Amino acid sequence: MDHNEYILSKIFLEQLYRPFLWSQTYPECAGRQQSPIDLGYFNVTPRKFPSFWFSPHFNSYLPFTLKNNGHTVVGELAAQVHPTSILQLSGGDLPGIFTFTNFHLHWWVQMMTELIFLPREGSSPTVGSEHTINGLHGAGEAHFVFTNLMTKQVAVLAFFIVVSPDQEQTAWRSYVDNAVALIREGENLNFMASLMKLMETENNFQDFWRYNGSLTTPPCTEGVIWTVFNSHIKFSYDELSALSLNVLHKGFRPPQPTYNRIVYHSTLTSAVDSLRCFFSWLVLVLMFFLIRLNSKM
């Protein structure tokens, strides 16, 4: 076992248990409106939402500062950007105008083969997306965090990350090239990006789940409005591997109980829709594991 494998395995085992202990220091982590949760296509309430509105600067290339905060790599507007409120979001039935705070990713962690719970030699467990769909994880998850400056309420736009076998150059390539250099907590650097390009998906922000939850890291503050899109940001296998093997992070929390919360879905209107969406998601998850299997052959 080399040093990198040892560190990764230590982080993985720590992360399996640490979230269950958070509430000892941060009582709100044991609340009844915690995130992430398991989403689905069956136990949801259909609901129509108005369209989202993004301020024009979402399409502009702006300087961002990437920083390893010990949990993941966080992207914030660079200090020289004024005013800092140029990236604003409204619509989608959000209560007011929300200003961009940061974006960050949660990705799968490739682990050593010596762990006793592995099914066979040569395989490696993965932990990627925080939210799940009917119990299935994606390869990762991107969170774009916004704050209502008047009420201090937080809203998160979340996107699942999938592995694309024919992935070409994307807006995330520059992120990966920079993020892999941020090995240690506290390290940072700048890069240029367009938020709209980073959030670019196939369904134009129309298909999503909505529920009330919390931050997914301590202090687990509740009252967060979650919008989890049923659309996919595409990464290549090599891009996710680079993040997994180079950036040591503690970036995943297991799904929390839903309790009596209502989870809305913006497009489902029938059981047929539910089955169609579930099987399309299942195909994407299977594709991810097939790509990983082929990469090891």
Protein backbone atom coordinates (compact mmCIF):
# COMPACT_ATOMS: atom_id res chain seq x y z
CA MET A 1 0.00 0.00 0.00
CA ASP A 2 1.55 3.34 -1.00
CA HIS A 3 1.16 6.60 0.93
CA ASN A 4 -1.64 7.98 -1.27
CA GLU A 5 -3.69 4.80 -0.87
CA TYR A 6 -3.23 4.93 2.89
CA ILE A 7 -4.38 8.56 3.13
CA LEU A 8 -7.39 7.93 0.89
CA SER A 9 -8.45 4.87 2.87
CA LYS A 10 -8.10 6.78 6.15
CA ILE A 11 -10.28 9.61 4.84
CA PHE A 12 -12.88 7.16 3.56
CA LEU A 13 -13.14 5.29 6.86
CA GLU A 14 -13.22 8.52 8.86
CA GLN A 15 -15.96 9.87 6.64
CA LEU A 16 -18.08 6.77 7.11
CA TYR A 17 -18.40 7.56 10.80
CA ARG A 18 -17.71 11.27 11.29
CA PRO A 19 -21.11 12.59 10.04
CA PHE A 20 -22.87 10.48 12.66
CA LEU A 21 -20.88 12.29 15.37
CA TRP A 22 -21.40 15.82 14.09
CA SER A 23 -24.45 16.38 16.28
CA GLN A 24 -22.33 16.03 19.43
CA THR A 25 -20.71 19.35 18.56
CA TYR A 26 -23.37 20.82 16.26
CA PRO A 27 -26.84 19.90 17.59
CA GLU A 28 -28.61 21.10 14.44
CA CYS A 29 -26.97 18.22 12.53
CA ALA A 30 -29.51 15.96 14.26
CA GLY A 31 -32.45 18.07 13.08
CA ARG A 32 -35.44 16.87 11.10
CA GLN A 33 -34.76 18.93 7.96
CA GLN A 34 -31.26 17.78 7.11
CA SER A 35 -29.59 17.29 3.73
CA PRO A 36 -28.84 15.41 1.58
CA ILE A 37 -31.80 13.08 1.14
CA ASP A 38 -32.78 10.25 -1.16
CA LEU A 39 -34.83 11.64 -4.02
CA GLY A 40 -37.09 9.62 -6.23
CA TYR A 41 -39.77 9.61 -8.87
CA PHE A 42 -42.56 8.00 -6.90
CA ASN A 43 -42.98 9.62 -3.46
CA VAL A 44 -42.93 13.17 -4.75
CA THR A 45 -45.55 15.86 -5.27
CA PRO A 46 -45.86 17.26 -8.83
CA ARG A 47 -45.78 21.03 -8.94
CA LYS A 48 -45.39 23.69 -11.61
CA PHE A 49 -42.68 26.29 -11.02
CA PRO A 50 -42.00 29.60 -12.78
CA SER A 51 -38.78 29.89 -14.77
CA PHE A 52 -35.52 30.90 -13.15
CA TRP A 53 -33.96 34.27 -13.92
CA PHE A 54 -30.18 34.71 -14.03
CA SER A 55 -28.51 38.11 -14.16
CA PRO A 56 -26.55 38.85 -17.39
CA HIS A 57 -23.13 38.36 -15.77
CA PHE A 58 -23.80 34.63 -15.45
CA ASN A 59 -22.71 34.52 -19.11
CA SER A 60 -19.55 36.57 -18.49
CA TYR A 61 -16.13 35.08 -17.85
CA LEU A 62 -15.12 36.27 -14.39
CA PRO A 63 -12.14 35.61 -12.10
CA PHE A 64 -12.84 33.08 -9.37
CA THR A 65 -10.66 31.99 -6.48
CA LEU A 66 -10.48 28.24 -5.87
CA LYS A 67 -9.64 27.21 -2.31
CA ASN A 68 -9.23 23.85 -0.61
CA ASN A 69 -11.24 24.34 2.60
CA GLY A 70 -10.61 20.88 4.02
CA HIS A 71 -13.96 19.52 2.85
CA THR A 72 -13.72 20.21 -0.88
CA VAL A 73 -12.49 22.83 -3.36
CA VAL A 74 -14.67 25.95 -3.18
CA GLY A 75 -14.96 28.55 -5.94
CA GLU A 76 -15.75 32.15 -4.95
CA LEU A 77 -15.67 35.40 -6.90
CA ALA A 78 -12.16 36.82 -6.77
CA ALA A 79 -11.59 39.78 -4.45
CA GLN A 80 -11.12 42.22 -7.34
CA VAL A 81 -14.68 41.67 -8.67
CA HIS A 82 -16.93 44.63 -7.76
CA PRO A 83 -19.70 44.72 -6.93
CA THR A 84 -19.79 41.21 -5.51
CA SER A 85 -23.56 41.06 -6.10
CA ILE A 86 -23.30 41.01 -9.90
CA LEU A 87 -24.36 37.34 -10.00
CA GLN A 88 -28.01 37.24 -8.96
CA LEU A 89 -30.71 34.58 -9.18
CA SER A 90 -34.49 34.77 -8.82
CA GLY A 91 -37.61 33.02 -10.08
CA GLY A 92 -38.22 29.31 -9.68
CA ASP A 93 -40.51 30.22 -6.78
CA LEU A 94 -37.53 31.37 -4.70
CA PRO A 95 -38.48 34.01 -2.09
CA GLY A 96 -36.69 37.06 -3.43
CA ILE A 97 -33.34 37.74 -5.09
CA PHE A 98 -30.38 35.53 -4.23
CA THR A 99 -26.73 36.45 -4.73
CA PHE A 100 -24.00 33.97 -5.65
CA THR A 101 -21.86 32.83 -2.71
CA ASN A 102 -19.76 29.91 -3.99
CA PHE A 103 -19.72 26.69 -5.95
CA HIS A 104 -18.14 23.39 -5.02
CA LEU A 105 -18.16 19.73 -6.02
CA HIS A 106 -18.54 16.40 -4.30
CA TRP A 107 -16.94 13.57 -6.24
CA TRP A 108 -16.25 9.87 -5.93
CA VAL A 109 -13.17 8.75 -4.04
CA GLN A 110 -11.19 5.85 -5.45
CA MET A 111 -10.01 3.63 -2.64
CA MET A 112 -7.43 0.96 -1.94
CA THR A 113 -8.15 -2.71 -2.60
CA GLU A 114 -7.15 -3.96 0.86
CA LEU A 115 -10.34 -2.84 2.66
CA ILE A 116 -12.09 -5.90 4.00
CA PHE A 117 -15.55 -5.02 2.71
CA LEU A 118 -14.55 -4.94 -0.95
CA PRO A 119 -16.33 -7.54 -3.06
CA ARG A 120 -13.25 -8.63 -4.94
CA GLU A 121 -9.62 -7.76 -5.43
CA GLY A 122 -9.05 -4.92 -7.85
CA SER A 123 -12.40 -3.25 -7.31
CA SER A 124 -12.77 0.04 -5.48
CA PRO A 125 -15.76 1.59 -3.70
CA THR A 126 -16.93 5.00 -4.78
CA VAL A 127 -18.72 7.78 -3.00
CA GLY A 128 -19.84 10.54 -5.31
CA SER A 129 -23.09 12.47 -5.20
CA GLU A 130 -24.54 13.39 -1.83
CA HIS A 131 -28.15 13.14 -2.98
CA THR A 132 -29.30 9.82 -4.33
CA ILE A 133 -32.13 8.86 -6.67
CA ASN A 134 -34.00 5.80 -5.41
CA GLY A 135 -30.83 4.82 -3.57
CA LEU A 136 -28.48 5.28 -6.53
CA HIS A 137 -25.47 7.62 -6.35
CA GLY A 138 -24.17 9.64 -9.25
CA ALA A 139 -20.45 9.96 -9.92
CA GLY A 140 -20.49 13.37 -8.25
CA GLU A 141 -22.54 16.45 -7.50
CA ALA A 142 -22.04 20.17 -8.13
CA HIS A 143 -23.50 22.74 -5.73
CA PHE A 144 -24.00 26.42 -6.56
CA VAL A 145 -24.77 28.30 -3.35
CA PHE A 146 -26.72 31.57 -3.21
CA THR A 147 -27.78 33.84 -0.33
CA ASN A 148 -30.68 36.26 -0.01
CA LEU A 149 -28.85 39.31 1.33
CA MET A 150 -32.03 40.67 2.91
CA THR A 151 -33.18 37.55 4.79
CA LYS A 152 -29.86 35.62 4.92
CA GLN A 153 -31.65 32.53 3.61
CA VAL A 154 -29.54 30.14 1.55
CA ALA A 155 -30.58 28.44 -1.70
CA VAL A 156 -28.56 25.75 -3.48
CA LEU A 157 -28.77 24.70 -7.12
CA ALA A 158 -27.44 21.14 -7.34
CA PHE A 159 -26.53 19.12 -10.43
CA PHE A 160 -25.55 15.47 -10.69
CA ILE A 161 -22.23 14.69 -12.34
CA VAL A 162 -22.10 11.81 -14.81
CA VAL A 163 -19.19 10.26 -16.65
CA SER A 164 -19.34 10.65 -20.41
CA PRO A 165 -17.31 8.18 -22.50
CA ASP A 166 -16.96 10.67 -25.35
CA GLN A 167 -16.44 13.79 -23.23
CA GLU A 168 -14.63 16.61 -25.01
CA GLN A 169 -13.21 19.89 -23.72
CA THR A 170 -15.71 21.62 -21.41
CA ALA A 171 -15.86 24.56 -19.04
CA TRP A 172 -14.92 22.17 -16.23
CA ARG A 173 -11.59 21.21 -17.80
CA SER A 174 -9.98 24.40 -16.50
CA TYR A 175 -11.45 23.75 -13.05
CA VAL A 176 -9.92 20.27 -12.92
CA ASP A 177 -6.55 21.47 -14.18
CA ASN A 178 -6.44 24.01 -11.34
CA ALA A 179 -8.15 22.05 -8.58
CA VAL A 180 -5.74 19.11 -8.76
CA ALA A 181 -2.97 21.47 -7.64
CA LEU A 182 -4.81 22.29 -4.40
CA ILE A 183 -3.67 19.28 -2.45
CA ARG A 184 -3.55 20.80 1.02
CA GLU A 185 -6.15 22.62 3.06
CA GLY A 186 -5.86 26.40 2.71
CA GLU A 187 -4.21 26.41 -0.70
CA ASN A 188 -5.85 28.64 -3.33
CA LEU A 189 -5.46 30.01 -6.84
CA ASN A 190 -7.46 31.97 -9.41
CA PHE A 191 -9.11 30.86 -12.64
CA MET A 192 -11.55 32.31 -15.17
CA ALA A 193 -15.00 30.84 -15.67
CA SER A 194 -18.58 31.55 -16.72
CA LEU A 195 -21.12 30.28 -14.20
CA MET A 196 -23.65 29.65 -16.95
CA LYS A 197 -21.12 27.49 -18.81
CA LEU A 198 -20.40 25.55 -15.62
CA MET A 199 -24.14 24.95 -15.10
CA GLU A 200 -24.84 24.21 -18.75
CA THR A 201 -27.06 21.13 -19.06
CA GLU A 202 -29.52 19.65 -21.49
CA ASN A 203 -32.92 20.67 -20.08
CA ASN A 204 -32.55 24.41 -19.46
CA PHE A 205 -33.35 24.32 -15.73
CA GLN A 206 -36.86 22.95 -16.15
CA ASP A 207 -36.65 19.49 -14.54
CA PHE A 208 -35.84 19.40 -10.82
CA TRP A 209 -36.72 18.39 -7.27
CA ARG A 210 -37.40 21.04 -4.62
CA TYR A 211 -37.36 20.59 -0.86
CA ASN A 212 -36.35 22.35 2.36
CA GLY A 213 -33.13 21.08 3.89
CA SER A 214 -29.81 22.10 5.38
CA LEU A 215 -26.14 22.63 4.73
CA THR A 216 -24.44 19.26 4.22
CA THR A 217 -21.43 20.12 6.40
CA PRO A 218 -21.34 21.46 9.98
CA PRO A 219 -23.01 23.45 11.41
CA CYS A 220 -25.74 21.81 9.24
CA THR A 221 -27.85 24.98 9.31
CA GLU A 222 -31.45 24.29 8.30
CA GLY A 223 -33.76 26.50 6.27
CA VAL A 224 -31.84 25.91 3.02
CA ILE A 225 -33.91 25.77 -0.18
CA TRP A 226 -32.64 22.89 -2.31
CA THR A 227 -33.21 22.69 -6.05
CA VAL A 228 -31.72 19.43 -7.35
CA PHE A 229 -31.81 19.26 -11.13
CA ASN A 230 -32.54 16.06 -12.99
CA SER A 231 -29.87 17.05 -15.48
CA HIS A 232 -26.26 16.16 -15.72
CA ILE A 233 -22.93 17.90 -15.82
CA LYS A 234 -20.61 15.72 -17.88
CA PHE A 235 -17.07 14.86 -16.86
CA SER A 236 -14.65 12.47 -18.44
CA TYR A 237 -13.44 9.49 -16.42
CA ASP A 238 -9.93 10.97 -16.46
CA GLU A 239 -11.16 14.27 -15.02
CA LEU A 240 -12.88 12.62 -12.07
CA SER A 241 -9.92 10.30 -11.56
CA ALA A 242 -7.61 13.31 -11.40
CA LEU A 243 -9.73 14.89 -8.67
CA SER A 244 -10.07 11.62 -6.79
CA LEU A 245 -6.37 10.82 -6.75
CA ASN A 246 -4.92 14.30 -6.27
CA VAL A 247 -7.28 16.32 -4.08
CA LEU A 248 -7.67 14.81 -0.63
CA HIS A 249 -11.11 15.90 0.52
CA LYS A 250 -13.88 14.93 2.90
CA GLY A 251 -16.74 15.72 0.64
CA PHE A 252 -19.72 13.47 1.24
CA ARG A 253 -22.49 13.03 3.79
CA PRO A 254 -24.88 10.06 3.60
CA PRO A 255 -28.57 10.72 2.88
CA GLN A 256 -30.57 11.87 5.90
CA PRO A 257 -34.15 10.90 6.85
CA THR A 258 -36.84 12.81 5.00
CA TYR A 259 -39.33 12.58 7.88
CA ASN A 260 -42.56 14.37 6.92
CA ARG A 261 -41.06 16.82 4.44
CA ILE A 262 -42.75 17.32 1.09
CA VAL A 263 -40.48 16.82 -1.91
CA TYR A 264 -41.75 18.49 -5.08
CA HIS A 265 -40.93 17.62 -8.66
CA SER A 266 -41.34 20.13 -11.44
CA THR A 267 -42.17 17.92 -14.43
CA LEU A 268 -43.64 14.57 -13.33
CA THR A 269 -47.34 14.26 -14.16
CA SER A 270 -47.93 10.49 -14.20
CA ALA A 271 -46.61 7.10 -13.11
CA VAL A 272 -45.37 6.56 -16.66
CA ASP A 273 -43.20 9.67 -16.34
CA SER A 274 -41.84 8.36 -13.05
CA LEU A 275 -40.82 5.01 -14.53
CA ARG A 276 -39.29 6.64 -17.59
CA CYS A 277 -37.14 8.98 -15.51
CA PHE A 278 -36.06 6.26 -13.10
CA PHE A 279 -34.86 3.93 -15.84
CA SER A 280 -33.03 6.74 -17.65
CA TRP A 281 -31.15 7.50 -14.42
CA LEU A 282 -30.39 3.80 -13.91
CA VAL A 283 -28.85 3.64 -17.39
CA LEU A 284 -26.54 6.58 -16.55
CA VAL A 285 -25.37 4.93 -13.33
CA LEU A 286 -24.70 1.63 -15.10
CA MET A 287 -22.77 3.48 -17.81
CA PHE A 288 -20.52 5.01 -15.13
CA PHE A 289 -19.60 1.60 -13.71
CA LEU A 290 -19.05 0.11 -17.18
CA ILE A 291 -16.67 2.96 -18.03
CA ARG A 292 -14.78 2.35 -14.79
CA LEU A 293 -14.61 -1.38 -15.50
CA ASN A 294 -13.25 -0.80 -19.01
CA SER A 295 -10.64 1.61 -17.67
CA LYS A 296 -9.19 -1.16 -15.48
CA MET A 297 -8.91 -3.72 -18.29
